[in-house]
Amino acid sequence: VQLVESGGGLVHAGGSLRLSCAASGFSFSTYGMSWYRQVTGKERELVASISRLGTVTNYADSVKGRFTISRDNAKSTVSLQMNMLKFEDTALYYCKVNSREYWGQGTQVTVSS
């Protein structure tokens, strides 16, 4: 199993980023997927999740209306569109396979105020 995140970077507050996670080594379309984030010294936080067919999505209250999770089962990718970024969105973002302890290595998002 391999999960490779990309798309992180440095952005000004109010800006946008799109994170992507390329999955391989398992049957991608049979699992829901999630994005988590973690700030050093704090617990990992669930940001958004999406069902295996993409029909159901859930978001943390802190990102509702600003972030959108999506997936492309043909390409085995899951994405996180992040708009109206805030300083407090700064974190290391990970994708994860639901119901499995499969994690990517993370991609850093830094929002300057």
Protein backbone atom coordinates (compact mmCIF):
# COMPACT_ATOMS: atom_id res chain seq x y z
CA VAL A 1 0.00 0.00 0.00
CA GLN A 2 1.28 3.42 -0.93
CA LEU A 3 -0.29 6.82 -0.39
CA VAL A 4 1.58 9.81 -1.75
CA GLU A 5 0.35 13.30 -0.91
CA SER A 6 1.28 16.38 -2.88
CA GLY A 7 0.21 19.98 -3.36
CA GLY A 8 1.21 21.51 -0.07
CA GLY A 9 3.09 24.76 0.17
CA LEU A 10 3.20 28.28 1.52
CA VAL A 11 0.21 30.52 0.87
CA HIS A 12 -1.11 33.82 2.19
CA ALA A 13 -4.24 33.87 4.30
CA GLY A 14 -7.28 33.92 2.05
CA GLY A 15 -5.53 31.92 -0.61
CA SER A 16 -6.16 28.43 -1.95
CA LEU A 17 -4.35 25.14 -2.30
CA ARG A 18 -5.32 21.79 -3.74
CA LEU A 19 -3.91 18.68 -2.13
CA SER A 20 -3.82 15.35 -3.92
CA CYS A 21 -3.21 11.83 -2.71
CA ALA A 22 -2.23 9.11 -5.16
CA ALA A 23 -3.07 5.63 -3.91
CA SER A 24 -1.77 2.26 -5.01
CA GLY A 25 -1.45 -1.30 -3.77
CA PHE A 26 -5.05 -1.85 -2.72
CA SER A 27 -8.55 -1.75 -4.15
CA PHE A 28 -9.05 2.00 -3.93
CA SER A 29 -12.74 2.11 -4.87
CA THR A 30 -13.74 -0.22 -2.05
CA TYR A 31 -12.62 2.10 0.73
CA GLY A 32 -13.65 5.45 2.01
CA MET A 33 -10.83 7.93 2.32
CA SER A 34 -10.02 10.78 4.66
CA TRP A 35 -7.74 13.74 5.08
CA TYR A 36 -6.25 14.46 8.48
CA ARG A 37 -3.95 17.19 9.68
CA GLN A 38 -1.54 17.55 12.54
CA VAL A 39 0.24 20.43 14.17
CA THR A 40 3.43 19.60 16.04
CA GLY A 41 2.59 18.85 19.64
CA LYS A 42 -1.11 18.32 18.98
CA GLU A 43 -3.22 15.31 18.13
CA ARG A 44 -4.00 14.43 14.57
CA GLU A 45 -7.35 15.93 13.51
CA LEU A 46 -9.86 14.58 11.01
CA VAL A 47 -10.46 17.23 8.36
CA ALA A 48 -12.70 15.55 5.79
CA SER A 49 -13.83 12.14 4.66
CA ILE A 50 -15.47 10.71 1.58
CA SER A 51 -17.30 7.46 0.97
CA ARG A 52 -16.00 4.87 -1.44
CA LEU A 53 -18.19 6.09 -4.30
CA GLY A 54 -17.88 9.74 -3.38
CA THR A 55 -21.55 10.16 -2.60
CA VAL A 56 -21.13 11.03 1.08
CA THR A 57 -18.73 13.59 2.48
CA ASN A 58 -18.13 14.88 5.98
CA TYR A 59 -16.12 17.83 7.24
CA ALA A 60 -14.77 19.16 10.47
CA ASP A 61 -16.70 22.21 11.58
CA SER A 62 -13.56 24.30 11.27
CA VAL A 63 -13.32 23.73 7.51
CA LYS A 64 -16.97 23.48 6.43
CA GLY A 65 -17.73 25.78 3.54
CA ARG A 66 -14.04 26.28 2.75
CA PHE A 67 -12.69 22.80 1.97
CA THR A 68 -13.99 20.25 -0.51
CA ILE A 69 -12.96 16.61 -0.64
CA SER A 70 -13.33 14.64 -3.86
CA ARG A 71 -12.07 11.43 -5.40
CA ASP A 72 -11.42 9.89 -8.79
CA ASN A 73 -11.68 6.13 -8.56
CA ALA A 74 -10.45 5.68 -12.12
CA LYS A 75 -7.20 7.38 -11.16
CA SER A 76 -7.09 6.17 -7.54
CA THR A 77 -6.75 9.69 -6.23
CA VAL A 78 -8.39 11.70 -3.50
CA SER A 79 -8.13 15.48 -3.38
CA LEU A 80 -8.74 18.27 -0.95
CA GLN A 81 -9.53 21.70 -2.35
CA MET A 82 -8.81 24.28 0.32
CA ASN A 83 -10.12 27.81 -0.14
CA MET A 84 -10.12 30.86 2.11
CA LEU A 85 -7.18 29.46 4.01
CA LYS A 86 -6.53 30.72 7.51
CA PHE A 87 -3.39 30.81 9.60
CA GLU A 88 -4.85 28.08 11.80
CA ASP A 89 -5.02 25.71 8.81
CA THR A 90 -1.24 25.46 8.97
CA ALA A 91 -0.42 21.78 9.52
CA LEU A 92 0.95 18.61 8.03
CA TYR A 93 -1.84 17.06 5.99
CA TYR A 94 -2.20 13.31 5.56
CA CYS A 95 -4.50 11.10 3.56
CA LYS A 96 -5.70 7.86 5.09
CA VAL A 97 -7.63 4.80 4.06
CA ASN A 98 -10.74 4.49 6.22
CA SER A 99 -10.93 1.41 8.42
CA ARG A 100 -7.24 0.70 7.81
CA GLU A 101 -4.09 2.07 9.32
CA TYR A 102 -2.71 3.13 5.96
CA TRP A 103 -1.28 6.65 5.98
CA GLY A 104 0.69 8.77 3.59
CA GLN A 105 3.85 10.65 4.55
CA GLY A 106 2.07 13.98 4.66
CA THR A 107 2.35 17.29 2.84
CA GLN A 108 3.01 20.55 4.68
CA VAL A 109 0.58 23.44 4.37
CA THR A 110 1.73 26.77 5.76
CA VAL A 111 -0.56 29.78 5.77
CA SER A 112 1.00 33.14 6.47
CA SER A 113 -1.13 35.70 8.25
